[in-house]
Amino acid sequence: IEGIYVSPKSSVIMESLKDATLIPGVGIQGDRYALKTGTYSAKFLDEPGKNLTMISADSIESTMSDTGMKPLPV
């Protein structure tokens, strides 16, 4: 794990966490999906929802290299 990021609702800047509390069957404490305010938290969706998104660092680095993108300063 290279980073843990959460946000309280969709379309806001995500916050980087040094430590996180994982709640079984709910998600990461304070994150939009644990709070049921995420895009895929809607009750009308015929699925259990999303509690976690994992992204491969290799794929990010490859895409950034292919497109010439530069990482944001941390």
C-alpha atoms as a PDB file:
ATOM      1  CA  ILE A   1       0.000   0.000   0.000  1.00  0.00           C
ATOM      2  CA  GLU A   2       1.471   3.304  -1.106  1.00  0.00           C
ATOM      3  CA  GLY A   3      -1.336   5.547   0.062  1.00  0.00           C
ATOM      4  CA  ILE A   4      -4.773   5.720   1.663  1.00  0.00           C
ATOM      5  CA  TYR A   5      -7.080   8.530   0.550  1.00  0.00           C
ATOM      6  CA  VAL A   6     -10.607   9.375   1.675  1.00  0.00           C
ATOM      7  CA  SER A   7     -13.166  12.099   1.107  1.00  0.00           C
ATOM      8  CA  PRO A   8     -16.473  12.782   2.853  1.00  0.00           C
ATOM      9  CA  LYS A   9     -18.399  13.163  -0.441  1.00  0.00           C
ATOM     10  CA  SER A  10     -18.000  12.849  -4.197  1.00  0.00           C
ATOM     11  CA  SER A  11     -16.112  15.452  -6.245  1.00  0.00           C
ATOM     12  CA  VAL A  12     -14.050  16.922  -3.424  1.00  0.00           C
ATOM     13  CA  ILE A  13     -10.298  16.762  -2.899  1.00  0.00           C
ATOM     14  CA  MET A  14      -9.281  13.527  -1.236  1.00  0.00           C
ATOM     15  CA  GLU A  15      -7.367  13.562   2.049  1.00  0.00           C
ATOM     16  CA  SER A  16      -4.255  11.435   2.475  1.00  0.00           C
ATOM     17  CA  LEU A  17      -4.244   9.380   5.665  1.00  0.00           C
ATOM     18  CA  LYS A  18      -1.234   8.037   7.539  1.00  0.00           C
ATOM     19  CA  ASP A  19      -3.498   5.609   9.439  1.00  0.00           C
ATOM     20  CA  ALA A  20      -7.053   4.473   8.777  1.00  0.00           C
ATOM     21  CA  THR A  21      -9.780   2.634  10.633  1.00  0.00           C
ATOM     22  CA  LEU A  22     -11.330  -0.099   8.502  1.00  0.00           C
ATOM     23  CA  ILE A  23     -14.918  -1.013   9.385  1.00  0.00           C
ATOM     24  CA  PRO A  24     -15.931  -4.528   8.225  1.00  0.00           C
ATOM     25  CA  GLY A  25     -18.808  -4.426   5.742  1.00  0.00           C
ATOM     26  CA  VAL A  26     -18.774  -0.595   5.764  1.00  0.00           C
ATOM     27  CA  GLY A  27     -15.470   0.811   4.478  1.00  0.00           C
ATOM     28  CA  ILE A  28     -12.872   3.266   5.723  1.00  0.00           C
ATOM     29  CA  GLN A  29     -14.003   5.461   8.599  1.00  0.00           C
ATOM     30  CA  GLY A  30     -14.741   8.989   7.346  1.00  0.00           C
ATOM     31  CA  ASP A  31     -14.823   8.020   3.665  1.00  0.00           C
ATOM     32  CA  ARG A  32     -17.798   8.799   1.421  1.00  0.00           C
ATOM     33  CA  TYR A  33     -18.721   5.144   1.010  1.00  0.00           C
ATOM     34  CA  ALA A  34     -18.689   4.456   4.742  1.00  0.00           C
ATOM     35  CA  LEU A  35     -20.812   7.606   5.114  1.00  0.00           C
ATOM     36  CA  LYS A  36     -23.079   6.472   2.225  1.00  0.00           C
ATOM     37  CA  THR A  37     -22.481   9.728   0.320  1.00  0.00           C
ATOM     38  CA  GLY A  38     -20.394   8.227  -2.507  1.00  0.00           C
ATOM     39  CA  THR A  39     -21.520   8.089  -6.127  1.00  0.00           C
ATOM     40  CA  TYR A  40     -22.032   4.309  -5.948  1.00  0.00           C
ATOM     41  CA  SER A  41     -23.816   4.400  -2.566  1.00  0.00           C
ATOM     42  CA  ALA A  42     -27.195   5.018  -4.196  1.00  0.00           C
ATOM     43  CA  LYS A  43     -29.958   2.771  -2.935  1.00  0.00           C
ATOM     44  CA  PHE A  44     -31.378   2.257  -6.441  1.00  0.00           C
ATOM     45  CA  LEU A  45     -28.266   0.398  -7.615  1.00  0.00           C
ATOM     46  CA  ASP A  46     -28.795  -3.357  -7.611  1.00  0.00           C
ATOM     47  CA  GLU A  47     -25.473  -4.124  -5.959  1.00  0.00           C
ATOM     48  CA  PRO A  48     -23.978  -3.983  -2.471  1.00  0.00           C
ATOM     49  CA  GLY A  49     -22.041  -0.774  -3.171  1.00  0.00           C
ATOM     50  CA  LYS A  50     -18.357   0.068  -3.190  1.00  0.00           C
ATOM     51  CA  ASN A  51     -16.219   0.172  -0.068  1.00  0.00           C
ATOM     52  CA  LEU A  52     -12.718   0.282  -1.526  1.00  0.00           C
ATOM     53  CA  THR A  53     -10.957   1.254  -4.727  1.00  0.00           C
ATOM     54  CA  MET A  54      -7.503  -0.184  -5.385  1.00  0.00           C
ATOM     55  CA  ILE A  55      -5.289   1.225  -8.132  1.00  0.00           C
ATOM     56  CA  SER A  56      -1.998  -0.323  -9.205  1.00  0.00           C
ATOM     57  CA  ALA A  57       0.937   2.073  -8.861  1.00  0.00           C
ATOM     58  CA  ASP A  58       2.438   0.464 -11.976  1.00  0.00           C
ATOM     59  CA  SER A  59      -0.603   1.402 -14.071  1.00  0.00           C
ATOM     60  CA  ILE A  60      -0.563   4.988 -12.778  1.00  0.00           C
ATOM     61  CA  GLU A  61       3.153   5.333 -13.510  1.00  0.00           C
ATOM     62  CA  SER A  62       2.705   3.813 -16.984  1.00  0.00           C
ATOM     63  CA  THR A  63      -0.216   6.105 -17.852  1.00  0.00           C
ATOM     64  CA  MET A  64       1.650   9.165 -16.589  1.00  0.00           C
ATOM     65  CA  SER A  65       4.685   8.203 -18.660  1.00  0.00           C
ATOM     66  CA  ASP A  66       2.568   7.561 -21.777  1.00  0.00           C
ATOM     67  CA  THR A  67       0.719  10.879 -21.468  1.00  0.00           C
ATOM     68  CA  GLY A  68       3.513  13.085 -20.142  1.00  0.00           C
ATOM     69  CA  MET A  69       1.592  13.819 -16.947  1.00  0.00           C
ATOM     70  CA  LYS A  70       3.534  14.798 -13.838  1.00  0.00           C
ATOM     71  CA  PRO A  71       2.531  13.927 -10.261  1.00  0.00           C
ATOM     72  CA  LEU A  72       1.144  16.645  -8.011  1.00  0.00           C
ATOM     73  CA  PRO A  73       3.445  17.693  -5.160  1.00  0.00           C
ATOM     74  CA  VAL A  74       2.671  15.976  -1.877  1.00  0.00           C
END
